[in-house]
Amino acid sequence: MTRLTKFMPICGSRTLKLSDLTSQSKDQGGPTFNEPWEAQAFAITLKLNEAGVFTWGEWAKALGAIIAANPNQHYYENWLTALEALVERKSLMTHDERLTRIEAWDAAAKAIPHGRPIEFLPQ
């Protein structure tokens, strides 16, 4: 199934306010996410920025490059790809470590019955 991501052109705008993103679902506290992993990727990005791992300028450049390379990809899949690239670039995790964790996560997900939380213990 292909999901289309709505966008709002901002050419000529000085800033884009969160309230301008009408396609993003919201509750009284702000934006909500379609899947828990989207919120987790968002939170990890905020925490890494707060820890000084990268600046918002670096983040914007990384995310923009990924979106430009994958314009039809789901927004948060691009977000996660950009996050992974920055984590590797900043030497927080090697490419091989990332692939090993992805494989371990996939194996754990396949071993757990549908609807139950995935239990993953890094080796």
PDB file of N, CA and C in Angstrom:
ATOM      1  N   MET A   1       0.840  -1.169   0.000  1.00  0.00           N
ATOM      2  CA  MET A   1       0.000   0.000   0.000  1.00  0.00           C
ATOM      3  C   MET A   1       0.887   1.235   0.000  1.00  0.00           C
ATOM      4  N   THR A   2       0.638   2.137  -0.882  1.00  0.00           N
ATOM      5  CA  THR A   2       1.385   3.386  -0.946  1.00  0.00           C
ATOM      6  C   THR A   2       0.616   4.471  -0.229  1.00  0.00           C
ATOM      7  N   ARG A   3       1.304   5.169   0.673  1.00  0.00           N
ATOM      8  CA  ARG A   3       0.681   6.284   1.372  1.00  0.00           C
ATOM      9  C   ARG A   3       1.217   7.573   0.778  1.00  0.00           C
ATOM     10  N   LEU A   4       0.322   8.485   0.513  1.00  0.00           N
ATOM     11  CA  LEU A   4       0.735   9.784   0.019  1.00  0.00           C
ATOM     12  C   LEU A   4       0.899  10.725   1.196  1.00  0.00           C
ATOM     13  N   THR A   5       1.939  11.527   1.130  1.00  0.00           N
ATOM     14  CA  THR A   5       2.186  12.510   2.174  1.00  0.00           C
ATOM     15  C   THR A   5       1.833  13.874   1.620  1.00  0.00           C
ATOM     16  N   LYS A   6       0.896  14.554   2.286  1.00  0.00           N
ATOM     17  CA  LYS A   6       0.533  15.896   1.859  1.00  0.00           C
ATOM     18  C   LYS A   6       1.633  16.850   2.271  1.00  0.00           C
ATOM     19  N   PHE A   7       1.812  17.902   1.503  1.00  0.00           N
ATOM     20  CA  PHE A   7       2.793  18.898   1.864  1.00  0.00           C
ATOM     21  C   PHE A   7       2.223  20.278   1.605  1.00  0.00           C
ATOM     22  N   MET A   8       2.823  21.239   2.239  1.00  0.00           N
ATOM     23  CA  MET A   8       2.415  22.623   2.055  1.00  0.00           C
ATOM     24  C   MET A   8       3.626  23.385   1.541  1.00  0.00           C
ATOM     25  N   PRO A   9       3.581  23.921   0.326  1.00  0.00           N
ATOM     26  CA  PRO A   9       4.723  24.690  -0.155  1.00  0.00           C
ATOM     27  C   PRO A   9       4.918  25.925   0.716  1.00  0.00           C
ATOM     28  N   ILE A  10       6.182  26.244   0.989  1.00  0.00           N
ATOM     29  CA  ILE A  10       6.468  27.392   1.842  1.00  0.00           C
ATOM     30  C   ILE A  10       7.281  28.459   1.123  1.00  0.00           C
ATOM     31  N   CYS A  11       7.419  28.313  -0.175  1.00  0.00           N
ATOM     32  CA  CYS A  11       8.180  29.287  -0.952  1.00  0.00           C
ATOM     33  C   CYS A  11       7.616  30.682  -0.704  1.00  0.00           C
ATOM     34  N   GLY A  12       8.473  31.607  -0.338  1.00  0.00           N
ATOM     35  CA  GLY A  12       8.050  32.970  -0.074  1.00  0.00           C
ATOM     36  C   GLY A  12       7.612  33.206   1.355  1.00  0.00           C
ATOM     37  N   SER A  13       7.456  32.122   2.131  1.00  0.00           N
ATOM     38  CA  SER A  13       7.076  32.265   3.530  1.00  0.00           C
ATOM     39  C   SER A  13       8.322  32.495   4.362  1.00  0.00           C
ATOM     40  N   ARG A  14       8.196  33.297   5.399  1.00  0.00           N
ATOM     41  CA  ARG A  14       9.334  33.514   6.290  1.00  0.00           C
ATOM     42  C   ARG A  14       9.529  32.316   7.198  1.00  0.00           C
ATOM     43  N   THR A  15       8.453  31.746   7.698  1.00  0.00           N
ATOM     44  CA  THR A  15       8.543  30.577   8.564  1.00  0.00           C
ATOM     45  C   THR A  15       7.340  29.678   8.321  1.00  0.00           C
ATOM     46  N   LEU A  16       7.484  28.466   8.716  1.00  0.00           N
ATOM     47  CA  LEU A  16       6.380  27.521   8.676  1.00  0.00           C
ATOM     48  C   LEU A  16       6.027  27.201  10.115  1.00  0.00           C
ATOM     49  N   LYS A  17       4.819  27.514  10.498  1.00  0.00           N
ATOM     50  CA  LYS A  17       4.365  27.247  11.859  1.00  0.00           C
ATOM     51  C   LYS A  17       3.778  25.839  11.929  1.00  0.00           C
ATOM     52  N   LEU A  18       3.905  25.210  13.073  1.00  0.00           N
ATOM     53  CA  LEU A  18       3.337  23.893  13.268  1.00  0.00           C
ATOM     54  C   LEU A  18       1.840  23.894  12.974  1.00  0.00           C
ATOM     55  N   SER A  19       1.170  24.985  13.284  1.00  0.00           N
ATOM     56  CA  SER A  19      -0.272  25.069  13.042  1.00  0.00           C
ATOM     57  C   SER A  19      -0.610  25.065  11.559  1.00  0.00           C
ATOM     58  N   ASP A  20       0.368  25.341  10.697  1.00  0.00           N
ATOM     59  CA  ASP A  20       0.134  25.331   9.259  1.00  0.00           C
ATOM     60  C   ASP A  20       0.051  23.921   8.688  1.00  0.00           C
ATOM     61  N   LEU A  21       0.506  22.947   9.433  1.00  0.00           N
ATOM     62  CA  LEU A  21       0.542  21.576   8.941  1.00  0.00           C
ATOM     63  C   LEU A  21      -0.798  20.905   9.181  1.00  0.00           C
ATOM     64  N   THR A  22      -1.770  21.233   8.380  1.00  0.00           N
ATOM     65  CA  THR A  22      -3.130  20.755   8.601  1.00  0.00           C
ATOM     66  C   THR A  22      -3.288  19.260   8.353  1.00  0.00           C
ATOM     67  N   SER A  23      -2.387  18.649   7.581  1.00  0.00           N
ATOM     68  CA  SER A  23      -2.527  17.221   7.313  1.00  0.00           C
ATOM     69  C   SER A  23      -2.017  16.371   8.472  1.00  0.00           C
ATOM     70  N   GLN A  24      -1.256  16.955   9.387  1.00  0.00           N
ATOM     71  CA  GLN A  24      -0.756  16.216  10.548  1.00  0.00           C
ATOM     72  C   GLN A  24      -1.861  16.129  11.590  1.00  0.00           C
ATOM     73  N   SER A  25      -2.168  14.918  12.038  1.00  0.00           N
ATOM     74  CA  SER A  25      -3.193  14.796  13.068  1.00  0.00           C
ATOM     75  C   SER A  25      -2.681  15.430  14.361  1.00  0.00           C
ATOM     76  N   LYS A  26      -3.600  15.986  15.125  1.00  0.00           N
ATOM     77  CA  LYS A  26      -3.218  16.694  16.342  1.00  0.00           C
ATOM     78  C   LYS A  26      -4.189  16.377  17.459  1.00  0.00           C
ATOM     79  N   ASP A  27      -3.707  16.547  18.682  1.00  0.00           N
ATOM     80  CA  ASP A  27      -4.589  16.562  19.826  1.00  0.00           C
ATOM     81  C   ASP A  27      -4.334  17.879  20.549  1.00  0.00           C
ATOM     82  N   GLN A  28      -4.886  18.053  21.716  1.00  0.00           N
ATOM     83  CA  GLN A  28      -4.729  19.327  22.402  1.00  0.00           C
ATOM     84  C   GLN A  28      -3.272  19.613  22.776  1.00  0.00           C
ATOM     85  N   GLY A  29      -2.471  18.591  22.929  1.00  0.00           N
ATOM     86  CA  GLY A  29      -1.077  18.768  23.313  1.00  0.00           C
ATOM     87  C   GLY A  29      -0.138  18.983  22.144  1.00  0.00           C
ATOM     88  N   GLY A  30      -0.611  18.881  20.921  1.00  0.00           N
ATOM     89  CA  GLY A  30       0.254  19.055  19.752  1.00  0.00           C
ATOM     90  C   GLY A  30       0.076  17.916  18.780  1.00  0.00           C
ATOM     91  N   PRO A  31       1.070  17.734  17.909  1.00  0.00           N
ATOM     92  CA  PRO A  31       0.933  16.707  16.868  1.00  0.00           C
ATOM     93  C   PRO A  31       0.950  15.304  17.456  1.00  0.00           C
ATOM     94  N   THR A  32       0.251  14.402  16.802  1.00  0.00           N
ATOM     95  CA  THR A  32       0.300  12.990  17.158  1.00  0.00           C
ATOM     96  C   THR A  32       0.963  12.254  16.001  1.00  0.00           C
ATOM     97  N   PHE A  33       1.228  10.995  16.197  1.00  0.00           N
ATOM     98  CA  PHE A  33       1.945  10.207  15.201  1.00  0.00           C
ATOM     99  C   PHE A  33       1.087   9.020  14.787  1.00  0.00           C
ATOM    100  N   ASN A  34       1.304   8.545  13.564  1.00  0.00           N
ATOM    101  CA  ASN A  34       0.537   7.408  13.063  1.00  0.00           C
ATOM    102  C   ASN A  34       0.963   6.089  13.702  1.00  0.00           C
ATOM    103  N   GLU A  35       2.223   5.986  14.062  1.00  0.00           N
ATOM    104  CA  GLU A  35       2.771   4.758  14.639  1.00  0.00           C
ATOM    105  C   GLU A  35       3.680   5.116  15.810  1.00  0.00           C
ATOM    106  N   PRO A  36       3.793   4.251  16.821  1.00  0.00           N
ATOM    107  CA  PRO A  36       4.679   4.543  17.952  1.00  0.00           C
ATOM    108  C   PRO A  36       6.132   4.787  17.551  1.00  0.00           C
ATOM    109  N   TRP A  37       6.622   4.055  16.535  1.00  0.00           N
ATOM    110  CA  TRP A  37       8.020   4.219  16.146  1.00  0.00           C
ATOM    111  C   TRP A  37       8.287   5.621  15.608  1.00  0.00           C
ATOM    112  N   GLU A  38       7.275   6.266  15.017  1.00  0.00           N
ATOM    113  CA  GLU A  38       7.463   7.633  14.525  1.00  0.00           C
ATOM    114  C   GLU A  38       7.738   8.581  15.698  1.00  0.00           C
ATOM    115  N   ALA A  39       6.971   8.439  16.762  1.00  0.00           N
ATOM    116  CA  ALA A  39       7.177   9.268  17.956  1.00  0.00           C
ATOM    117  C   ALA A  39       8.533   8.967  18.585  1.00  0.00           C
ATOM    118  N   GLN A  40       8.935   7.709  18.570  1.00  0.00           N
ATOM    119  CA  GLN A  40      10.228   7.339  19.145  1.00  0.00           C
ATOM    120  C   GLN A  40      11.374   7.942  18.337  1.00  0.00           C
ATOM    121  N   ALA A  41      11.292   7.878  17.013  1.00  0.00           N
ATOM    122  CA  ALA A  41      12.330   8.477  16.167  1.00  0.00           C
ATOM    123  C   ALA A  41      12.398   9.985  16.388  1.00  0.00           C
ATOM    124  N   PHE A  42      11.235  10.610  16.517  1.00  0.00           N
ATOM    125  CA  PHE A  42      11.160  12.044  16.781  1.00  0.00           C
ATOM    126  C   PHE A  42      11.831  12.368  18.121  1.00  0.00           C
ATOM    127  N   ALA A  43      11.501  11.600  19.159  1.00  0.00           N
ATOM    128  CA  ALA A  43      12.051  11.829  20.497  1.00  0.00           C
ATOM    129  C   ALA A  43      13.562  11.607  20.526  1.00  0.00           C
ATOM    130  N   ILE A  44      14.031  10.581  19.859  1.00  0.00           N
ATOM    131  CA  ILE A  44      15.472  10.314  19.813  1.00  0.00           C
ATOM    132  C   ILE A  44      16.191  11.482  19.147  1.00  0.00           C
ATOM    133  N   THR A  45      15.615  12.003  18.081  1.00  0.00           N
ATOM    134  CA  THR A  45      16.210  13.148  17.390  1.00  0.00           C
ATOM    135  C   THR A  45      16.313  14.349  18.320  1.00  0.00           C
ATOM    136  N   LEU A  46      15.247  14.633  19.054  1.00  0.00           N
ATOM    137  CA  LEU A  46      15.273  15.753  19.998  1.00  0.00           C
ATOM    138  C   LEU A  46      16.352  15.551  21.062  1.00  0.00           C
ATOM    139  N   LYS A  47      16.422  14.359  21.619  1.00  0.00           N
ATOM    140  CA  LYS A  47      17.395  14.080  22.676  1.00  0.00           C
ATOM    141  C   LYS A  47      18.832  14.176  22.161  1.00  0.00           C
ATOM    142  N   LEU A  48      19.093  13.685  20.968  1.00  0.00           N
ATOM    143  CA  LEU A  48      20.448  13.768  20.421  1.00  0.00           C
ATOM    144  C   LEU A  48      20.838  15.222  20.158  1.00  0.00           C
ATOM    145  N   ASN A  49      19.877  16.021  19.704  1.00  0.00           N
ATOM    146  CA  ASN A  49      20.158  17.446  19.528  1.00  0.00           C
ATOM    147  C   ASN A  49      20.437  18.104  20.871  1.00  0.00           C
ATOM    148  N   GLU A  50      19.608  17.824  21.866  1.00  0.00           N
ATOM    149  CA  GLU A  50      19.801  18.392  23.204  1.00  0.00           C
ATOM    150  C   GLU A  50      21.151  17.988  23.794  1.00  0.00           C
ATOM    151  N   ALA A  51      21.628  16.797  23.467  1.00  0.00           N
ATOM    152  CA  ALA A  51      22.913  16.309  23.960  1.00  0.00           C
ATOM    153  C   ALA A  51      24.089  16.897  23.173  1.00  0.00           C
ATOM    154  N   GLY A  52      23.789  17.675  22.129  1.00  0.00           N
ATOM    155  CA  GLY A  52      24.848  18.308  21.356  1.00  0.00           C
ATOM    156  C   GLY A  52      25.467  17.429  20.290  1.00  0.00           C
ATOM    157  N   VAL A  53      24.810  16.312  19.958  1.00  0.00           N
ATOM    158  CA  VAL A  53      25.351  15.407  18.953  1.00  0.00           C
ATOM    159  C   VAL A  53      25.339  16.058  17.573  1.00  0.00           C
ATOM    160  N   PHE A  54      24.286  16.806  17.281  1.00  0.00           N
ATOM    161  CA  PHE A  54      24.208  17.544  16.022  1.00  0.00           C
ATOM    162  C   PHE A  54      23.379  18.802  16.231  1.00  0.00           C
ATOM    163  N   THR A  55      23.571  19.757  15.340  1.00  0.00           N
ATOM    164  CA  THR A  55      22.795  21.004  15.395  1.00  0.00           C
ATOM    165  C   THR A  55      21.534  20.828  14.556  1.00  0.00           C
ATOM    166  N   TRP A  56      20.592  21.755  14.733  1.00  0.00           N
ATOM    167  CA  TRP A  56      19.384  21.701  13.912  1.00  0.00           C
ATOM    168  C   TRP A  56      19.720  21.965  12.449  1.00  0.00           C
ATOM    169  N   GLY A  57      20.753  22.753  12.194  1.00  0.00           N
ATOM    170  CA  GLY A  57      21.189  22.962  10.813  1.00  0.00           C
ATOM    171  C   GLY A  57      21.674  21.676  10.174  1.00  0.00           C
ATOM    172  N   GLU A  58      22.467  20.903  10.929  1.00  0.00           N
ATOM    173  CA  GLU A  58      22.930  19.606  10.424  1.00  0.00           C
ATOM    174  C   GLU A  58      21.746  18.676  10.189  1.00  0.00           C
ATOM    175  N   TRP A  59      20.787  18.701  11.128  1.00  0.00           N
ATOM    176  CA  TRP A  59      19.612  17.848  10.992  1.00  0.00           C
ATOM    177  C   TRP A  59      18.811  18.212   9.748  1.00  0.00           C
ATOM    178  N   ALA A  60      18.573  19.503   9.565  1.00  0.00           N
ATOM    179  CA  ALA A  60      17.788  19.954   8.413  1.00  0.00           C
ATOM    180  C   ALA A  60      18.469  19.555   7.107  1.00  0.00           C
ATOM    181  N   LYS A  61      19.774  19.685   7.051  1.00  0.00           N
ATOM    182  CA  LYS A  61      20.520  19.313   5.840  1.00  0.00           C
ATOM    183  C   LYS A  61      20.420  17.808   5.585  1.00  0.00           C
ATOM    184  N   ALA A  62      20.584  17.006   6.640  1.00  0.00           N
ATOM    185  CA  ALA A  62      20.509  15.549   6.496  1.00  0.00           C
ATOM    186  C   ALA A  62      19.113  15.103   6.069  1.00  0.00           C
ATOM    187  N   LEU A  63      18.081  15.626   6.747  1.00  0.00           N
ATOM    188  CA  LEU A  63      16.706  15.243   6.405  1.00  0.00           C
ATOM    189  C   LEU A  63      16.341  15.727   5.009  1.00  0.00           C
ATOM    190  N   GLY A  64      16.723  16.942   4.682  1.00  0.00           N
ATOM    191  CA  GLY A  64      16.429  17.481   3.347  1.00  0.00           C
ATOM    192  C   GLY A  64      17.050  16.650   2.240  1.00  0.00           C
ATOM    193  N   ALA A  65      18.281  16.195   2.450  1.00  0.00           N
ATOM    194  CA  ALA A  65      18.955  15.372   1.444  1.00  0.00           C
ATOM    195  C   ALA A  65      18.248  14.038   1.250  1.00  0.00           C
ATOM    196  N   ILE A  66      17.810  13.440   2.343  1.00  0.00           N
ATOM    197  CA  ILE A  66      17.112  12.149   2.251  1.00  0.00           C
ATOM    198  C   ILE A  66      15.759  12.318   1.568  1.00  0.00           C
ATOM    199  N   ILE A  67      15.035  13.365   1.929  1.00  0.00           N
ATOM    200  CA  ILE A  67      13.732  13.603   1.293  1.00  0.00           C
ATOM    201  C   ILE A  67      13.908  13.866  -0.200  1.00  0.00           C
ATOM    202  N   ALA A  68      14.939  14.631  -0.568  1.00  0.00           N
ATOM    203  CA  ALA A  68      15.189  14.906  -1.984  1.00  0.00           C
ATOM    204  C   ALA A  68      15.516  13.623  -2.749  1.00  0.00           C
ATOM    205  N   ALA A  69      16.230  12.717  -2.091  1.00  0.00           N
ATOM    206  CA  ALA A  69      16.608  11.458  -2.742  1.00  0.00           C
ATOM    207  C   ALA A  69      15.457  10.454  -2.787  1.00  0.00           C
ATOM    208  N   ASN A  70      14.489  10.592  -1.865  1.00  0.00           N
ATOM    209  CA  ASN A  70      13.371   9.647  -1.757  1.00  0.00           C
ATOM    210  C   ASN A  70      12.047  10.390  -1.620  1.00  0.00           C
ATOM    211  N   PRO A  71      11.661  11.186  -2.608  1.00  0.00           N
ATOM    212  CA  PRO A  71      10.480  12.039  -2.440  1.00  0.00           C
ATOM    213  C   PRO A  71       9.165  11.288  -2.261  1.00  0.00           C
ATOM    214  N   ASN A  72       9.091  10.048  -2.681  1.00  0.00           N
ATOM    215  CA  ASN A  72       7.849   9.288  -2.554  1.00  0.00           C
ATOM    216  C   ASN A  72       7.811   8.411  -1.308  1.00  0.00           C
ATOM    217  N   GLN A  73       8.865   8.457  -0.523  1.00  0.00           N
ATOM    218  CA  GLN A  73       8.940   7.657   0.696  1.00  0.00           C
ATOM    219  C   GLN A  73       8.116   8.320   1.805  1.00  0.00           C
ATOM    220  N   HIS A  74       7.572   7.523   2.702  1.00  0.00           N
ATOM    221  CA  HIS A  74       6.842   8.037   3.861  1.00  0.00           C
ATOM    222  C   HIS A  74       7.753   8.979   4.646  1.00  0.00           C
ATOM    223  N   TYR A  75       7.196  10.090   5.120  1.00  0.00           N
ATOM    224  CA  TYR A  75       7.976  11.129   5.786  1.00  0.00           C
ATOM    225  C   TYR A  75       8.816  10.585   6.928  1.00  0.00           C
ATOM    226  N   TYR A  76       8.246   9.781   7.808  1.00  0.00           N
ATOM    227  CA  TYR A  76       9.002   9.302   8.955  1.00  0.00           C
ATOM    228  C   TYR A  76       9.974   8.187   8.601  1.00  0.00           C
ATOM    229  N   GLU A  77       9.776   7.526   7.480  1.00  0.00           N
ATOM    230  CA  GLU A  77      10.809   6.597   7.013  1.00  0.00           C
ATOM    231  C   GLU A  77      12.023   7.401   6.568  1.00  0.00           C
ATOM    232  N   ASN A  78      11.787   8.526   5.888  1.00  0.00           N
ATOM    233  CA  ASN A  78      12.885   9.423   5.547  1.00  0.00           C
ATOM    234  C   ASN A  78      13.529   9.976   6.808  1.00  0.00           C
ATOM    235  N   TRP A  79      12.706  10.325   7.791  1.00  0.00           N
ATOM    236  CA  TRP A  79      13.210  10.853   9.068  1.00  0.00           C
ATOM    237  C   TRP A  79      14.175   9.845   9.693  1.00  0.00           C
ATOM    238  N   LEU A  80      13.735   8.583   9.763  1.00  0.00           N
ATOM    239  CA  LEU A  80      14.557   7.542  10.371  1.00  0.00           C
ATOM    240  C   LEU A  80      15.847   7.330   9.580  1.00  0.00           C
ATOM    241  N   THR A  81      15.769   7.341   8.267  1.00  0.00           N
ATOM    242  CA  THR A  81      16.960   7.184   7.434  1.00  0.00           C
ATOM    243  C   THR A  81      17.953   8.313   7.694  1.00  0.00           C
ATOM    244  N   ALA A  82      17.454   9.538   7.796  1.00  0.00           N
ATOM    245  CA  ALA A  82      18.322  10.682   8.091  1.00  0.00           C
ATOM    246  C   ALA A  82      18.949  10.545   9.476  1.00  0.00           C
ATOM    247  N   LEU A  83      18.160  10.102  10.442  1.00  0.00           N
ATOM    248  CA  LEU A  83      18.662   9.919  11.799  1.00  0.00           C
ATOM    249  C   LEU A  83      19.766   8.864  11.824  1.00  0.00           C
ATOM    250  N   GLU A  84      19.539   7.754  11.150  1.00  0.00           N
ATOM    251  CA  GLU A  84      20.548   6.695  11.088  1.00  0.00           C
ATOM    252  C   GLU A  84      21.828   7.200  10.434  1.00  0.00           C
ATOM    253  N   ALA A  85      21.693   7.969   9.359  1.00  0.00           N
ATOM    254  CA  ALA A  85      22.869   8.506   8.667  1.00  0.00           C
ATOM    255  C   ALA A  85      23.665   9.440   9.581  1.00  0.00           C
ATOM    256  N   LEU A  86      22.972  10.294  10.330  1.00  0.00           N
ATOM    257  CA  LEU A  86      23.670  11.202  11.242  1.00  0.00           C
ATOM    258  C   LEU A  86      24.350  10.444  12.374  1.00  0.00           C
ATOM    259  N   VAL A  87      23.675   9.435  12.904  1.00  0.00           N
ATOM    260  CA  VAL A  87      24.252   8.640  13.988  1.00  0.00           C
ATOM    261  C   VAL A  87      25.535   7.961  13.500  1.00  0.00           C
ATOM    262  N   GLU A  88      25.520   7.457  12.287  1.00  0.00           N
ATOM    263  CA  GLU A  88      26.731   6.859  11.715  1.00  0.00           C
ATOM    264  C   GLU A  88      27.800   7.917  11.471  1.00  0.00           C
ATOM    265  N   ARG A  89      27.413   9.049  10.892  1.00  0.00           N
ATOM    266  CA  ARG A  89      28.360  10.113  10.585  1.00  0.00           C
ATOM    267  C   ARG A  89      29.033  10.640  11.850  1.00  0.00           C
ATOM    268  N   LYS A  90      28.304  10.661  12.946  1.00  0.00           N
ATOM    269  CA  LYS A  90      28.833  11.155  14.218  1.00  0.00           C
ATOM    270  C   LYS A  90      29.529  10.053  15.023  1.00  0.00           C
ATOM    271  N   SER A  91      29.686   8.885  14.424  1.00  0.00           N
ATOM    272  CA  SER A  91      30.390   7.743  15.020  1.00  0.00           C
ATOM    273  C   SER A  91      29.766   7.248  16.323  1.00  0.00           C
ATOM    274  N   LEU A  92      28.448   7.392  16.447  1.00  0.00           N
ATOM    275  CA  LEU A  92      27.752   6.812  17.593  1.00  0.00           C
ATOM    276  C   LEU A  92      27.469   5.337  17.361  1.00  0.00           C
ATOM    277  N   MET A  93      27.442   4.952  16.090  1.00  0.00           N
ATOM    278  CA  MET A  93      27.185   3.575  15.708  1.00  0.00           C
ATOM    279  C   MET A  93      27.785   3.377  14.316  1.00  0.00           C
ATOM    280  N   THR A  94      28.407   2.233  14.111  1.00  0.00           N
ATOM    281  CA  THR A  94      28.938   1.947  12.783  1.00  0.00           C
ATOM    282  C   THR A  94      27.829   1.406  11.880  1.00  0.00           C
ATOM    283  N   HIS A  95      28.104   1.394  10.611  1.00  0.00           N
ATOM    284  CA  HIS A  95      27.153   0.846   9.643  1.00  0.00           C
ATOM    285  C   HIS A  95      26.862  -0.620   9.969  1.00  0.00           C
ATOM    286  N   ASP A  96      27.918  -1.388  10.259  1.00  0.00           N
ATOM    287  CA  ASP A  96      27.738  -2.806  10.574  1.00  0.00           C
ATOM    288  C   ASP A  96      26.930  -3.005  11.859  1.00  0.00           C
ATOM    289  N   GLU A  97      27.166  -2.167  12.873  1.00  0.00           N
ATOM    290  CA  GLU A  97      26.386  -2.253  14.106  1.00  0.00           C
ATOM    291  C   GLU A  97      24.912  -1.990  13.836  1.00  0.00           C
ATOM    292  N   ARG A  98      24.637  -0.992  13.009  1.00  0.00           N
ATOM    293  CA  ARG A  98      23.246  -0.671  12.677  1.00  0.00           C
ATOM    294  C   ARG A  98      22.585  -1.850  11.972  1.00  0.00           C
ATOM    295  N   LEU A  99      23.265  -2.436  10.991  1.00  0.00           N
ATOM    296  CA  LEU A  99      22.691  -3.572  10.266  1.00  0.00           C
ATOM    297  C   LEU A  99      22.479  -4.770  11.188  1.00  0.00           C
ATOM    298  N   THR A 100      23.411  -4.995  12.111  1.00  0.00           N
ATOM    299  CA  THR A 100      23.270  -6.099  13.072  1.00  0.00           C
ATOM    300  C   THR A 100      22.039  -5.892  13.947  1.00  0.00           C
ATOM    301  N   ARG A 101      21.822  -4.657  14.403  1.00  0.00           N
ATOM    302  CA  ARG A 101      20.642  -4.376  15.240  1.00  0.00           C
ATOM    303  C   ARG A 101      19.351  -4.524  14.453  1.00  0.00           C
ATOM    304  N   ILE A 102      19.357  -4.111  13.197  1.00  0.00           N
ATOM    305  CA  ILE A 102      18.161  -4.268  12.364  1.00  0.00           C
ATOM    306  C   ILE A 102      17.834  -5.754  12.202  1.00  0.00           C
ATOM    307  N   GLU A 103      18.852  -6.560  11.925  1.00  0.00           N
ATOM    308  CA  GLU A 103      18.641  -8.001  11.768  1.00  0.00           C
ATOM    309  C   GLU A 103      18.131  -8.630  13.063  1.00  0.00           C
ATOM    310  N   ALA A 104      18.705  -8.229  14.197  1.00  0.00           N
ATOM    311  CA  ALA A 104      18.267  -8.773  15.489  1.00  0.00           C
ATOM    312  C   ALA A 104      16.827  -8.362  15.788  1.00  0.00           C
ATOM    313  N   TRP A 105      16.488  -7.119  15.472  1.00  0.00           N
ATOM    314  CA  TRP A 105      15.124  -6.630  15.702  1.00  0.00           C
ATOM    315  C   TRP A 105      14.135  -7.397  14.822  1.00  0.00           C
ATOM    316  N   ASP A 106      14.479  -7.581  13.550  1.00  0.00           N
ATOM    317  CA  ASP A 106      13.602  -8.328  12.650  1.00  0.00           C
ATOM    318  C   ASP A 106      13.399  -9.763  13.133  1.00  0.00           C
ATOM    319  N   ALA A 107      14.462 -10.400  13.612  1.00  0.00           N
ATOM    320  CA  ALA A 107      14.350 -11.772  14.123  1.00  0.00           C
ATOM    321  C   ALA A 107      13.448 -11.803  15.353  1.00  0.00           C
ATOM    322  N   ALA A 108      13.610 -10.833  16.247  1.00  0.00           N
ATOM    323  CA  ALA A 108      12.760 -10.779  17.441  1.00  0.00           C
ATOM    324  C   ALA A 108      11.303 -10.543  17.060  1.00  0.00           C
ATOM    325  N   ALA A 109      11.074  -9.665  16.102  1.00  0.00           N
ATOM    326  CA  ALA A 109       9.704  -9.358  15.669  1.00  0.00           C
ATOM    327  C   ALA A 109       9.032 -10.579  15.066  1.00  0.00           C
ATOM    328  N   LYS A 110       9.782 -11.390  14.336  1.00  0.00           N
ATOM    329  CA  LYS A 110       9.215 -12.589  13.724  1.00  0.00           C
ATOM    330  C   LYS A 110       8.940 -13.682  14.757  1.00  0.00           C
ATOM    331  N   ALA A 111       9.663 -13.655  15.873  1.00  0.00           N
ATOM    332  CA  ALA A 111       9.531 -14.693  16.898  1.00  0.00           C
ATOM    333  C   ALA A 111       8.393 -14.428  17.879  1.00  0.00           C
ATOM    334  N   ILE A 112       7.912 -13.202  17.942  1.00  0.00           N
ATOM    335  CA  ILE A 112       6.863 -12.835  18.896  1.00  0.00           C
ATOM    336  C   ILE A 112       5.497 -12.925  18.206  1.00  0.00           C
ATOM    337  N   PRO A 113       4.511 -13.538  18.845  1.00  0.00           N
ATOM    338  CA  PRO A 113       3.171 -13.593  18.244  1.00  0.00           C
ATOM    339  C   PRO A 113       2.623 -12.182  17.991  1.00  0.00           C
ATOM    340  N   HIS A 114       1.856 -12.063  16.922  1.00  0.00           N
ATOM    341  CA  HIS A 114       1.276 -10.771  16.539  1.00  0.00           C
ATOM    342  C   HIS A 114       0.476 -10.172  17.696  1.00  0.00           C
ATOM    343  N   GLY A 115       0.671  -8.887  17.911  1.00  0.00           N
ATOM    344  CA  GLY A 115      -0.067  -8.189  18.945  1.00  0.00           C
ATOM    345  C   GLY A 115       0.635  -8.130  20.293  1.00  0.00           C
ATOM    346  N   ARG A 116       1.696  -8.897  20.456  1.00  0.00           N
ATOM    347  CA  ARG A 116       2.456  -8.867  21.713  1.00  0.00           C
ATOM    348  C   ARG A 116       3.657  -7.962  21.558  1.00  0.00           C
ATOM    349  N   PRO A 117       4.095  -7.330  22.647  1.00  0.00           N
ATOM    350  CA  PRO A 117       5.277  -6.463  22.565  1.00  0.00           C
ATOM    351  C   PRO A 117       6.512  -7.254  22.154  1.00  0.00           C
ATOM    352  N   ILE A 118       7.357  -6.628  21.378  1.00  0.00           N
ATOM    353  CA  ILE A 118       8.603  -7.263  20.962  1.00  0.00           C
ATOM    354  C   ILE A 118       9.600  -7.140  22.101  1.00  0.00           C
ATOM    355  N   GLU A 119      10.167  -8.271  22.480  1.00  0.00           N
ATOM    356  CA  GLU A 119      11.189  -8.290  23.517  1.00  0.00           C
ATOM    357  C   GLU A 119      12.519  -8.445  22.819  1.00  0.00           C
ATOM    358  N   PHE A 120      13.332  -7.437  22.971  1.00  0.00           N
ATOM    359  CA  PHE A 120      14.607  -7.420  22.274  1.00  0.00           C
ATOM    360  C   PHE A 120      15.708  -7.138  23.270  1.00  0.00           C
ATOM    361  N   LEU A 121      16.611  -8.084  23.395  1.00  0.00           N
ATOM    362  CA  LEU A 121      17.772  -7.907  24.267  1.00  0.00           C
ATOM    363  C   LEU A 121      19.007  -7.906  23.384  1.00  0.00           C
ATOM    364  N   PRO A 122      19.669  -6.757  23.260  1.00  0.00           N
ATOM    365  CA  PRO A 122      20.885  -6.720  22.426  1.00  0.00           C
ATOM    366  C   PRO A 122      21.913  -7.721  22.930  1.00  0.00           C
ATOM    367  N   GLN A 123      22.609  -8.328  22.005  1.00  0.00           N
ATOM    368  CA  GLN A 123      23.609  -9.349  22.374  1.00  0.00           C
ATOM    369  C   GLN A 123      24.953  -8.719  22.586  1.00  0.00           C
TER     370      GLN A 123
END
